[in-house]
N, C-alpha and C. Protein backbone atom coordinates (compact mmCIF):
# COMPACT_ATOMS: atom_id res chain seq x y z
N MET A 1 105.76 47.17 2.29
CA MET A 1 106.61 48.21 1.69
C MET A 1 106.49 49.52 2.49
N ARG A 2 107.62 50.10 2.73
CA ARG A 2 107.61 51.35 3.50
C ARG A 2 107.43 52.55 2.58
N ARG A 3 106.77 53.59 3.05
CA ARG A 3 106.66 54.84 2.29
C ARG A 3 107.50 55.90 3.00
N GLY A 4 108.79 55.86 2.80
CA GLY A 4 109.67 56.79 3.50
C GLY A 4 109.61 58.21 2.94
N LYS A 5 109.12 58.31 1.69
CA LYS A 5 109.13 59.65 1.08
C LYS A 5 107.93 60.49 1.53
N GLU A 6 106.94 59.86 2.18
CA GLU A 6 105.73 60.60 2.55
C GLU A 6 105.72 60.95 4.03
N LEU A 7 106.89 61.05 4.64
CA LEU A 7 106.88 61.26 6.10
C LEU A 7 106.23 62.59 6.48
N PRO A 8 106.94 63.70 6.62
CA PRO A 8 106.27 64.94 7.03
C PRO A 8 105.52 65.58 5.87
N GLY A 9 106.10 65.53 4.69
CA GLY A 9 105.44 66.11 3.53
C GLY A 9 105.62 67.60 3.45
N PRO A 10 105.63 68.15 2.24
CA PRO A 10 105.82 69.60 2.07
C PRO A 10 104.65 70.40 2.63
N ARG A 11 103.44 69.82 2.60
CA ARG A 11 102.28 70.56 3.11
C ARG A 11 102.41 70.79 4.61
N ALA A 12 102.83 69.75 5.34
CA ALA A 12 102.98 69.90 6.79
C ALA A 12 104.08 70.92 7.10
N LEU A 13 105.18 70.85 6.37
CA LEU A 13 106.27 71.81 6.60
C LEU A 13 105.80 73.22 6.28
N GLY A 14 105.04 73.38 5.21
CA GLY A 14 104.54 74.71 4.85
C GLY A 14 103.61 75.24 5.92
N MET A 15 102.73 74.38 6.44
CA MET A 15 101.81 74.83 7.49
C MET A 15 102.59 75.24 8.74
N ALA A 16 103.59 74.45 9.11
CA ALA A 16 104.37 74.77 10.31
C ALA A 16 105.13 76.08 10.11
N SER A 17 105.74 76.24 8.95
CA SER A 17 106.51 77.47 8.71
C SER A 17 105.58 78.68 8.69
N SER A 18 104.42 78.55 8.05
CA SER A 18 103.48 79.68 7.99
C SER A 18 102.99 80.01 9.40
N PHE A 19 102.72 78.98 10.22
CA PHE A 19 102.27 79.22 11.59
C PHE A 19 103.34 79.95 12.39
N LEU A 20 104.60 79.53 12.21
CA LEU A 20 105.70 80.20 12.92
C LEU A 20 105.81 81.65 12.48
N VAL A 21 105.67 81.89 11.17
CA VAL A 21 105.78 83.26 10.65
C VAL A 21 104.66 84.12 11.23
N VAL A 22 103.44 83.58 11.24
CA VAL A 22 102.30 84.35 11.77
C VAL A 22 102.50 84.64 13.25
N ALA A 23 102.96 83.65 14.00
CA ALA A 23 103.16 83.84 15.44
C ALA A 23 104.24 84.89 15.68
N ALA A 24 105.33 84.81 14.92
CA ALA A 24 106.43 85.77 15.11
C ALA A 24 105.96 87.18 14.74
N SER A 25 105.23 87.30 13.63
CA SER A 25 104.77 88.63 13.20
C SER A 25 103.80 89.21 14.22
N SER A 26 102.87 88.39 14.72
CA SER A 26 101.91 88.89 15.70
C SER A 26 102.62 89.30 16.98
N HIS A 27 103.62 88.51 17.39
CA HIS A 27 104.37 88.84 18.60
C HIS A 27 105.13 90.15 18.41
N ALA A 28 105.71 90.33 17.22
CA ALA A 28 106.46 91.57 16.95
C ALA A 28 105.50 92.76 16.98
N VAL A 29 104.32 92.61 16.39
CA VAL A 29 103.34 93.71 16.39
C VAL A 29 102.92 94.02 17.82
N TRP A 30 102.70 92.97 18.63
CA TRP A 30 102.28 93.21 20.02
C TRP A 30 103.38 93.94 20.79
N ARG A 31 104.64 93.54 20.54
CA ARG A 31 105.75 94.21 21.25
C ARG A 31 105.87 95.67 20.82
N THR A 32 105.74 95.92 19.52
CA THR A 32 105.86 97.30 19.04
C THR A 32 104.72 98.15 19.62
N ARG A 33 103.52 97.60 19.66
CA ARG A 33 102.39 98.35 20.22
C ARG A 33 102.62 98.60 21.71
N HIS A 34 103.09 97.57 22.42
CA HIS A 34 103.30 97.71 23.86
C HIS A 34 104.36 98.77 24.14
N LEU A 35 105.46 98.73 23.37
CA LEU A 35 106.51 99.73 23.58
C LEU A 35 106.03 101.10 23.13
N GLY A 36 105.21 101.15 22.07
CA GLY A 36 104.73 102.43 21.58
C GLY A 36 103.87 103.13 22.63
N HIS A 37 103.15 102.37 23.45
CA HIS A 37 102.32 102.99 24.49
C HIS A 37 103.20 103.66 25.54
N HIS A 38 104.36 103.07 25.81
CA HIS A 38 105.24 103.64 26.83
C HIS A 38 105.88 104.93 26.33
N TYR A 39 106.25 104.92 25.03
CA TYR A 39 106.92 106.13 24.53
C TYR A 39 105.88 107.03 23.90
């Protein structure tokens, strides 16, 4: 019997989305700091 409903799972999707959010936020902070040093 196949378990098609347990493929990626909500936990894996949540971890991936949270990781993407953290990476994007950290990158935005780094860019703002980098630009802030120039101005």
